[in-house]
Amino acid sequence: MLEKLFQLTENHTSVRQEVIAGLTTFLTMAYIIFVNPAMLADAGMDSGAVFVATCLAAAIGCLIMGFVANYPIALAPGMGLNAFFTYSVVLDMGHQWQTALAAVFCSGVLFMILSLLKVREWLMNAIPVSIRTGIAAGIGLFLALIGLKNAGVIVDNPATLVGLGDVTSFGVIMAALSFVLVIALVKFGHRSAVMVSILAVTLLAVLVGDVDYRGLVSMPPSLAPTLMQLDFAGVFEVGMISVIFAFLFVDLFDTSGTLVAVAQRGNLLDKEGKLPRSDRAMLADSTATIAGSMMGTSTTTSYVESTAGVAAGGRTGLTAVVVGLLFLACLFISPIAGMVPAYATTGALLYVAILMLSGLTQVEWDDITEAAPVVITTIMMPLTFSIAHGIAIGFITYAAIKLFSGKIKDVSPTVAVLAVLFIVKFALT
């Protein structure tokens, strides 16, 4: 049956090899079951329900990717998008989390339509590499700022806006330990470095009495507090259009980049350098996003950590199916997720930030008209504490610089229209 479903022999793999690859991928991305509930809880959502929604959304995405697209690519609620959901849409813009979930749902539907109409590739080509690079790097800095802020490493300062917190406090010391531990484990090749760091710091917090011990396993918490709580009433406001756009574009960039990276690592591209069945892979992503929003979590996306599983021998969708089943098994460890303090996730956020900032090496630094929009987009996300504002300012900056530099031909009609729409948005809000 497995041979018929996944063509194991044709892909030069075996059940054992795929299971090992699935376990490897899962260990590299399982930290999301601890980080996502904690982050969305800041938006006022029930952390237990979000924990269940996170596991279920990841499982749905992985199973669809495995059975329908037959690729060793795992999915789960995305880092960066969850931060945008909580800190920008809810806390900064003042929208209810129910409205934010509706925006995620709409972005998932649009993603599905773009995939089915096969205009995704055209849209990706219309967006300059510099803007895409700046968005990824900006999200990285945004995550780093959130991690440092939540741990008390960075605090507000009336004179300078931000300042250094109490570096002798237990939380700051544990945050520093979590970061150093992640980097050291990654250096020595440990696939589960991020998860080990989170669990180790949480254990220390329990031992010193900073966190109450709640047990290890239990029945899954109720999903009722977040299930089908979407509020579409506020989605059609002018301000929410840019929010939906931000959810859509970040997910689009993440998924497309991940698919290419994993496919290249596993030699899954065809002779023309394209990924067969890419529309099915996109369908898995968009469907999981829609389902996740209905259950109560932010955008679900493909994880670049899937390359770890591919490196371990994963070649078919059986790898993704194994990851999905492991996420379902995690439903019974909610007490552990509930014990994780904010400072235990600082290392994870900083590590993800490093990975996202690494793309800056691809910037054409010799061309100031390309480099300037990247820098502006990157720094405006953390400084405005908004991914949406960073994206908007990035598009406007790119179009304006190209216009006044005599390189208007570099501005595609798509970028020009978006830049104008963002200018109108800022003028009306």
Protein backbone atom coordinates (compact mmCIF):
# COMPACT_ATOMS: atom_id res chain seq x y z
CA MET A 1 0.00 0.00 0.00
CA LEU A 2 2.79 2.43 0.91
CA GLU A 3 4.62 1.60 -2.29
CA LYS A 4 1.50 2.38 -4.33
CA LEU A 5 0.82 5.63 -2.47
CA PHE A 6 4.35 7.07 -2.40
CA GLN A 7 6.31 5.26 -5.17
CA LEU A 8 9.10 4.41 -2.73
CA THR A 9 11.10 2.23 -5.14
CA GLU A 10 10.88 4.78 -7.94
CA ASN A 11 12.23 7.44 -5.57
CA HIS A 12 15.04 5.18 -4.32
CA THR A 13 13.90 5.13 -0.70
CA SER A 14 12.33 2.79 1.86
CA VAL A 15 9.80 2.92 4.68
CA ARG A 16 12.59 2.92 7.29
CA GLN A 17 14.41 5.74 5.54
CA GLU A 18 11.24 7.83 5.27
CA VAL A 19 10.34 7.29 8.94
CA ILE A 20 13.81 8.38 10.05
CA ALA A 21 13.56 11.44 7.78
CA GLY A 22 10.14 12.29 9.20
CA LEU A 23 11.38 12.05 12.77
CA THR A 24 14.37 14.24 11.89
CA THR A 25 12.18 16.95 10.35
CA PHE A 26 9.79 16.83 13.28
CA LEU A 27 12.56 17.30 15.84
CA THR A 28 13.82 20.40 14.02
CA MET A 29 10.41 22.11 13.97
CA ALA A 30 8.57 20.78 17.04
CA TYR A 31 9.48 23.97 18.92
CA ILE A 32 6.44 25.60 17.27
CA ILE A 33 4.07 23.69 19.58
CA PHE A 34 5.64 25.61 22.49
CA VAL A 35 6.24 28.98 20.84
CA ASN A 36 2.97 29.44 18.95
CA PRO A 37 0.55 29.08 21.90
CA ALA A 38 2.67 31.43 24.01
CA MET A 39 2.77 34.05 21.26
CA LEU A 40 -0.93 33.93 20.39
CA ALA A 41 -1.83 33.96 24.08
CA ASP A 42 -0.50 37.54 24.10
CA ALA A 43 -3.32 38.34 21.67
CA GLY A 44 -5.84 37.16 24.27
CA MET A 45 -6.38 33.67 22.87
CA ASP A 46 -6.68 30.57 25.04
CA SER A 47 -3.22 28.96 24.99
CA GLY A 48 -4.57 25.44 25.44
CA ALA A 49 -6.91 25.77 22.47
CA VAL A 50 -4.13 27.32 20.36
CA PHE A 51 -1.87 24.40 21.30
CA VAL A 52 -4.45 21.96 19.94
CA ALA A 53 -5.08 24.11 16.84
CA THR A 54 -1.32 24.28 16.19
CA CYS A 55 -0.93 20.50 16.32
CA LEU A 56 -4.02 19.87 14.19
CA ALA A 57 -3.19 22.51 11.55
CA ALA A 58 0.33 21.10 11.25
CA ALA A 59 -1.00 17.56 10.97
CA ILE A 60 -3.57 18.52 8.31
CA GLY A 61 -0.94 20.35 6.25
CA CYS A 62 1.57 17.51 6.51
CA LEU A 63 -0.96 14.82 5.63
CA ILE A 64 -2.23 16.70 2.57
CA MET A 65 1.34 17.40 1.48
CA GLY A 66 2.20 13.73 1.89
CA PHE A 67 -0.82 12.06 0.35
CA VAL A 68 -1.73 14.62 -2.33
CA ALA A 69 1.57 16.23 -3.36
CA ASN A 70 3.87 13.34 -2.31
CA TYR A 71 6.68 15.63 -1.15
CA PRO A 72 8.81 15.33 2.03
CA ILE A 73 7.83 18.84 3.11
CA ALA A 74 6.30 19.52 6.53
CA LEU A 75 3.98 22.36 7.48
CA ALA A 76 3.01 24.15 10.69
CA PRO A 77 1.94 27.64 11.81
CA GLY A 78 4.71 29.94 10.60
CA MET A 79 7.11 31.99 12.65
CA GLY A 80 6.86 35.67 11.82
CA LEU A 81 3.28 35.33 10.73
CA ASN A 82 2.25 34.47 14.29
CA ALA A 83 4.17 37.50 15.54
CA PHE A 84 2.46 39.70 12.95
CA PHE A 85 -0.91 38.27 14.01
CA THR A 86 -0.40 39.09 17.68
CA TYR A 87 1.79 42.16 17.91
CA SER A 88 0.77 44.04 14.77
CA VAL A 89 -2.82 43.15 13.93
CA VAL A 90 -4.17 42.67 17.45
CA LEU A 91 -2.02 44.66 19.86
CA ASP A 92 -0.88 47.50 17.59
CA MET A 93 -3.83 47.96 15.21
CA GLY A 94 -6.37 47.13 17.89
CA HIS A 95 -8.32 44.44 16.04
CA GLN A 96 -9.87 41.52 17.90
CA TRP A 97 -8.14 38.18 17.47
CA GLN A 98 -11.35 36.84 15.97
CA THR A 99 -11.04 39.41 13.17
CA ALA A 100 -7.39 38.51 12.72
CA LEU A 101 -8.36 34.86 12.28
CA ALA A 102 -10.86 35.91 9.61
CA ALA A 103 -8.05 37.77 7.82
CA VAL A 104 -5.92 34.62 7.91
CA PHE A 105 -8.86 32.67 6.47
CA CYS A 106 -9.24 35.18 3.62
CA SER A 107 -5.51 35.09 2.84
CA GLY A 108 -5.70 31.29 2.69
CA VAL A 109 -8.61 31.43 0.24
CA LEU A 110 -6.73 33.93 -1.95
CA PHE A 111 -3.63 31.72 -1.81
CA MET A 112 -5.72 28.76 -2.96
CA ILE A 113 -7.22 30.78 -5.84
CA LEU A 114 -3.78 31.98 -6.97
CA SER A 115 -2.52 28.40 -6.90
CA LEU A 116 -5.48 26.97 -8.80
CA LEU A 117 -5.32 29.71 -11.44
CA LYS A 118 -1.56 29.13 -11.75
CA VAL A 119 -0.70 32.84 -11.40
CA ARG A 120 1.52 32.31 -8.39
CA GLU A 121 4.70 32.12 -10.48
CA TRP A 122 3.76 35.24 -12.42
CA LEU A 123 3.10 37.14 -9.19
CA MET A 124 6.38 35.99 -7.67
CA ASN A 125 8.31 37.15 -10.74
CA ALA A 126 6.60 40.54 -10.56
CA ILE A 127 7.94 41.22 -7.06
CA PRO A 128 11.64 42.27 -7.07
CA VAL A 129 14.12 40.05 -5.26
CA SER A 130 15.25 43.04 -3.20
CA ILE A 131 11.78 43.52 -1.72
CA ARG A 132 11.42 39.81 -0.98
CA THR A 133 14.84 39.78 0.69
CA GLY A 134 14.01 42.86 2.75
CA ILE A 135 10.71 41.35 3.92
CA ALA A 136 12.37 38.13 5.08
CA ALA A 137 15.18 39.98 6.86
CA GLY A 138 12.74 42.45 8.42
CA ILE A 139 10.63 39.63 9.84
CA GLY A 140 13.84 38.18 11.28
CA LEU A 141 14.64 41.41 13.12
CA PHE A 142 11.01 41.67 14.22
CA LEU A 143 11.18 38.21 15.78
CA ALA A 144 14.47 39.03 17.48
CA LEU A 145 12.96 42.19 18.98
CA ILE A 146 9.93 40.26 20.26
CA GLY A 147 12.13 37.59 21.84
CA LEU A 148 14.37 40.12 23.57
CA LYS A 149 11.39 42.20 24.70
CA ASN A 150 9.45 39.27 26.15
CA ALA A 151 12.49 38.07 28.08
CA GLY A 152 13.16 41.52 29.54
CA VAL A 153 16.50 41.90 27.76
CA ILE A 154 15.19 45.03 26.03
CA VAL A 155 12.87 47.40 27.88
CA ASP A 156 11.24 50.71 27.09
CA ASN A 157 13.14 53.87 27.93
CA PRO A 158 11.43 57.31 27.84
CA ALA A 159 14.67 59.02 26.83
CA THR A 160 15.89 56.64 24.13
CA LEU A 161 12.74 54.59 23.28
CA VAL A 162 14.53 51.33 24.14
CA GLY A 163 17.16 50.34 26.66
CA LEU A 164 18.87 47.36 28.29
CA GLY A 165 16.92 45.52 30.96
CA ASP A 166 18.20 44.04 34.22
CA VAL A 167 20.88 41.66 32.96
CA THR A 168 21.17 40.07 36.42
CA SER A 169 17.52 38.96 36.52
CA PHE A 170 16.74 35.25 36.28
CA GLY A 171 14.68 35.66 33.11
CA VAL A 172 17.41 37.51 31.22
CA ILE A 173 20.05 34.99 32.28
CA MET A 174 17.84 32.10 31.16
CA ALA A 175 17.13 33.85 27.85
CA ALA A 176 20.87 34.20 27.25
CA LEU A 177 21.36 30.54 28.16
CA SER A 178 18.63 29.44 25.75
CA PHE A 179 20.28 31.32 22.89
CA VAL A 180 23.80 30.08 23.60
CA LEU A 181 22.50 26.54 23.98
CA VAL A 182 20.70 26.65 20.62
CA ILE A 183 23.75 27.95 18.77
CA ALA A 184 26.10 25.45 20.41
CA LEU A 185 23.81 22.51 19.63
CA VAL A 186 23.37 23.67 16.03
CA LYS A 187 27.14 23.97 15.70
CA PHE A 188 27.53 20.35 16.79
CA GLY A 189 24.88 19.20 14.32
CA HIS A 190 21.98 18.43 16.67
CA ARG A 191 18.78 18.42 14.62
CA SER A 192 16.57 19.08 17.64
CA ALA A 193 18.69 21.97 18.94
CA VAL A 194 15.83 24.46 19.28
CA MET A 195 13.48 22.05 21.04
CA VAL A 196 16.22 20.80 23.39
CA SER A 197 17.03 24.40 24.35
CA ILE A 198 13.38 25.21 25.13
CA LEU A 199 12.90 22.05 27.21
CA ALA A 200 16.23 22.44 29.05
CA VAL A 201 15.53 26.03 30.11
CA THR A 202 11.96 25.12 31.07
CA LEU A 203 13.30 22.28 33.23
CA LEU A 204 15.68 24.67 35.00
CA ALA A 205 12.79 27.07 35.60
CA VAL A 206 10.76 24.26 37.17
CA LEU A 207 13.69 23.12 39.35
CA VAL A 208 14.28 26.60 40.78
CA GLY A 209 10.56 27.14 41.34
CA ASP A 210 10.09 29.94 38.78
CA VAL A 211 7.51 27.75 36.99
CA ASP A 212 4.97 25.41 38.59
CA TYR A 213 5.17 21.76 37.54
CA ARG A 214 1.97 20.70 35.74
CA GLY A 215 2.75 17.14 34.70
CA LEU A 216 3.90 15.61 31.44
CA VAL A 217 0.88 14.13 29.67
CA SER A 218 -2.87 14.65 29.72
CA MET A 219 -5.87 14.58 27.44
CA PRO A 220 -5.81 17.43 24.89
CA PRO A 221 -7.28 20.76 26.06
CA SER A 222 -10.61 21.90 24.66
CA LEU A 223 -10.56 23.52 21.24
CA ALA A 224 -13.88 25.26 21.91
CA PRO A 225 -12.48 28.69 22.96
CA THR A 226 -11.05 29.27 19.47
CA LEU A 227 -12.97 26.87 17.21
CA MET A 228 -14.93 28.71 14.47
CA GLN A 229 -14.52 32.04 16.23
CA LEU A 230 -13.76 33.98 13.04
CA ASP A 231 -15.32 37.45 12.83
CA PHE A 232 -15.67 38.64 9.23
CA ALA A 233 -17.41 41.90 10.14
CA GLY A 234 -14.20 43.90 10.40
CA VAL A 235 -12.31 42.20 7.56
CA PHE A 236 -13.68 44.55 4.91
CA GLU A 237 -12.35 47.71 6.56
CA VAL A 238 -9.71 49.62 4.59
CA GLY A 239 -7.02 48.93 7.17
CA MET A 240 -7.56 45.16 6.99
CA ILE A 241 -6.83 44.98 3.26
CA SER A 242 -3.12 45.49 3.88
CA VAL A 243 -3.26 42.93 6.69
CA ILE A 244 -4.70 40.26 4.40
CA PHE A 245 -2.16 41.24 1.75
CA ALA A 246 0.67 40.90 4.27
CA PHE A 247 -0.51 37.46 5.42
CA LEU A 248 -0.81 36.36 1.78
CA PHE A 249 2.52 37.66 0.54
CA VAL A 250 4.63 36.49 3.46
CA ASP A 251 3.08 33.03 3.17
CA LEU A 252 3.60 33.08 -0.59
CA PHE A 253 7.27 34.01 -0.25
CA ASP A 254 7.87 31.51 2.56
CA THR A 255 6.23 28.61 0.77
CA SER A 256 7.79 29.27 -2.63
CA GLY A 257 11.25 29.70 -1.14
CA THR A 258 10.90 26.58 0.99
CA LEU A 259 9.68 24.44 -1.89
CA VAL A 260 12.66 25.45 -4.02
CA ALA A 261 15.17 24.96 -1.19
CA VAL A 262 13.87 21.52 -0.24
CA ALA A 263 13.51 20.41 -3.86
CA GLN A 264 17.08 21.44 -4.68
CA ARG A 265 18.42 19.65 -1.61
CA GLY A 266 16.57 16.44 -2.51
CA ASN A 267 17.11 16.63 -6.30
CA LEU A 268 13.35 16.74 -6.79
CA LEU A 269 13.34 19.31 -9.62
CA ASP A 270 12.67 18.21 -13.19
CA LYS A 271 14.99 18.71 -16.17
CA GLU A 272 13.73 22.27 -16.63
CA GLY A 273 14.51 23.12 -13.02
CA LYS A 274 10.84 23.27 -12.03
CA LEU A 275 9.03 21.45 -9.26
CA PRO A 276 6.42 18.97 -10.54
CA ARG A 277 3.08 19.02 -8.68
CA SER A 278 3.92 22.42 -7.18
CA ASP A 279 0.22 23.33 -7.43
CA ARG A 280 -0.59 20.39 -5.14
CA ALA A 281 2.05 21.53 -2.67
CA MET A 282 0.51 25.01 -2.67
CA LEU A 283 -2.91 23.45 -2.17
CA ALA A 284 -1.64 21.74 0.98
CA ASP A 285 -0.37 25.06 2.30
CA SER A 286 -3.53 27.04 1.55
CA THR A 287 -5.87 24.31 2.83
CA ALA A 288 -3.94 24.03 6.09
CA THR A 289 -4.07 27.82 6.50
CA ILE A 290 -7.84 27.85 6.01
CA ALA A 291 -8.35 24.91 8.37
CA GLY A 292 -5.96 26.37 10.94
CA SER A 293 -7.78 29.71 11.01
CA MET A 294 -11.09 27.91 11.57
CA MET A 295 -9.61 26.02 14.52
CA GLY A 296 -7.76 28.99 16.00
CA THR A 297 -4.20 29.57 14.82
CA SER A 298 -2.29 31.91 12.54
CA THR A 299 -1.11 31.12 9.01
CA THR A 300 0.21 27.60 8.37
CA THR A 301 3.15 27.40 5.99
CA SER A 302 5.85 25.07 4.67
CA TYR A 303 8.93 24.76 6.89
CA VAL A 304 12.44 25.08 5.52
CA GLU A 305 13.46 22.72 8.34
CA SER A 306 12.18 20.02 5.98
CA THR A 307 15.64 20.13 4.40
CA ALA A 308 16.90 18.31 7.51
CA GLY A 309 14.61 15.39 6.74
CA VAL A 310 15.60 15.42 3.08
CA ALA A 311 19.24 15.34 4.14
CA ALA A 312 18.39 12.29 6.25
CA GLY A 313 17.01 10.50 3.19
CA GLY A 314 13.42 11.68 2.86
CA ARG A 315 12.25 11.62 -0.75
CA THR A 316 8.47 11.12 -0.70
CA GLY A 317 5.31 12.23 1.02
CA LEU A 318 5.67 9.45 3.56
CA THR A 319 8.16 11.70 5.35
CA ALA A 320 5.51 14.42 5.67
CA VAL A 321 2.91 11.88 6.81
CA VAL A 322 5.22 10.73 9.61
CA VAL A 323 5.64 14.36 10.72
CA GLY A 324 1.86 14.83 10.69
CA LEU A 325 1.30 11.75 12.85
CA LEU A 326 3.92 12.96 15.33
CA PHE A 327 2.12 16.30 15.62
CA LEU A 328 -1.08 14.41 16.42
CA ALA A 329 0.77 12.47 19.12
CA CYS A 330 1.88 15.82 20.63
CA LEU A 331 -1.74 16.61 21.49
CA PHE A 332 -1.19 14.68 24.71
CA ILE A 333 1.78 16.74 26.02
CA SER A 334 -0.08 19.99 26.60
CA PRO A 335 1.11 20.25 30.24
CA ILE A 336 4.70 20.62 29.01
CA ALA A 337 3.69 23.35 26.56
CA GLY A 338 1.87 25.16 29.36
CA MET A 339 5.00 25.28 31.51
CA VAL A 340 7.27 26.94 28.93
CA PRO A 341 8.13 30.50 30.11
CA ALA A 342 8.66 33.35 27.62
CA TYR A 343 12.41 33.48 28.19
CA ALA A 344 12.76 29.81 27.23
CA THR A 345 11.71 30.66 23.67
CA THR A 346 14.12 33.59 23.25
CA GLY A 347 16.84 31.36 21.83
CA ALA A 348 14.41 29.93 19.28
CA LEU A 349 13.29 33.37 18.11
CA LEU A 350 16.86 34.66 17.81
CA TYR A 351 17.95 31.53 15.93
CA VAL A 352 15.09 31.90 13.43
CA ALA A 353 16.06 35.58 13.09
CA ILE A 354 19.61 34.60 12.17
CA LEU A 355 18.35 32.23 9.49
CA MET A 356 16.07 34.88 8.00
CA LEU A 357 18.77 37.56 8.02
CA SER A 358 21.20 35.30 6.16
CA GLY A 359 19.42 36.17 2.91
CA LEU A 360 21.01 39.64 3.01
CA THR A 361 24.11 38.12 1.43
CA GLN A 362 22.14 37.97 -1.84
CA VAL A 363 21.58 41.74 -1.96
CA GLU A 364 23.22 43.67 -4.82
CA TRP A 365 25.09 46.02 -2.50
CA ASP A 366 26.93 47.61 -5.45
CA ASP A 367 23.59 48.89 -6.79
CA ILE A 368 22.35 51.45 -4.29
CA THR A 369 18.89 51.52 -5.90
CA GLU A 370 18.52 47.83 -5.02
CA ALA A 371 20.25 47.91 -1.63
CA ALA A 372 18.41 50.95 -0.22
CA PRO A 373 14.87 49.46 -0.40
CA VAL A 374 16.17 46.28 1.26
CA VAL A 375 17.61 48.22 4.20
CA ILE A 376 14.52 50.39 4.59
CA THR A 377 12.16 47.40 4.49
CA THR A 378 14.33 45.48 6.93
CA ILE A 379 14.65 48.17 9.58
CA MET A 380 11.11 49.55 9.34
CA MET A 381 9.48 46.29 10.47
CA PRO A 382 11.02 46.20 13.94
CA LEU A 383 11.08 50.00 14.32
CA THR A 384 7.37 50.36 13.49
CA PHE A 385 6.64 47.04 15.23
CA SER A 386 4.62 46.06 12.18
CA ILE A 387 5.30 43.66 9.33
CA ALA A 388 2.49 45.25 7.29
CA HIS A 389 3.97 48.75 7.62
CA GLY A 390 7.41 47.41 6.71
CA ILE A 391 6.07 45.78 3.55
CA ALA A 392 4.12 48.90 2.56
CA ILE A 393 7.05 51.26 3.10
CA GLY A 394 9.32 48.84 1.23
CA PHE A 395 7.14 48.90 -1.90
CA ILE A 396 6.78 52.68 -1.78
CA THR A 397 10.53 53.16 -1.28
CA TYR A 398 11.44 50.81 -4.13
CA ALA A 399 9.10 52.52 -6.61
CA ALA A 400 10.13 56.04 -5.57
CA ILE A 401 13.88 55.33 -5.73
CA LYS A 402 13.62 53.70 -9.13
CA LEU A 403 11.48 56.59 -10.42
CA PHE A 404 13.86 59.34 -9.30
CA SER A 405 16.94 57.33 -10.32
CA GLY A 406 15.82 57.02 -13.92
CA LYS A 407 15.19 53.28 -13.61
CA ILE A 408 11.43 53.29 -13.85
CA LYS A 409 11.63 50.29 -16.20
CA ASP A 410 12.65 48.19 -13.17
CA VAL A 411 9.26 48.84 -11.59
CA SER A 412 6.74 46.24 -12.71
CA PRO A 413 3.07 47.28 -13.07
CA THR A 414 2.28 45.11 -10.04
CA VAL A 415 4.80 46.95 -7.83
CA ALA A 416 3.64 50.34 -9.14
CA VAL A 417 -0.02 49.60 -8.37
CA LEU A 418 0.80 48.26 -4.91
CA ALA A 419 2.97 51.29 -4.12
CA VAL A 420 0.12 53.64 -5.05
CA LEU A 421 -2.39 51.63 -3.02
CA PHE A 422 -0.12 51.74 0.01
CA ILE A 423 0.29 55.52 -0.35
CA VAL A 424 -3.51 55.85 -0.45
CA LYS A 425 -3.80 53.63 2.61
CA PHE A 426 -1.39 55.78 4.62
CA ALA A 427 -3.21 58.93 3.47
CA LEU A 428 -6.59 57.60 4.59
CA THR A 429 -5.48 56.19 7.97
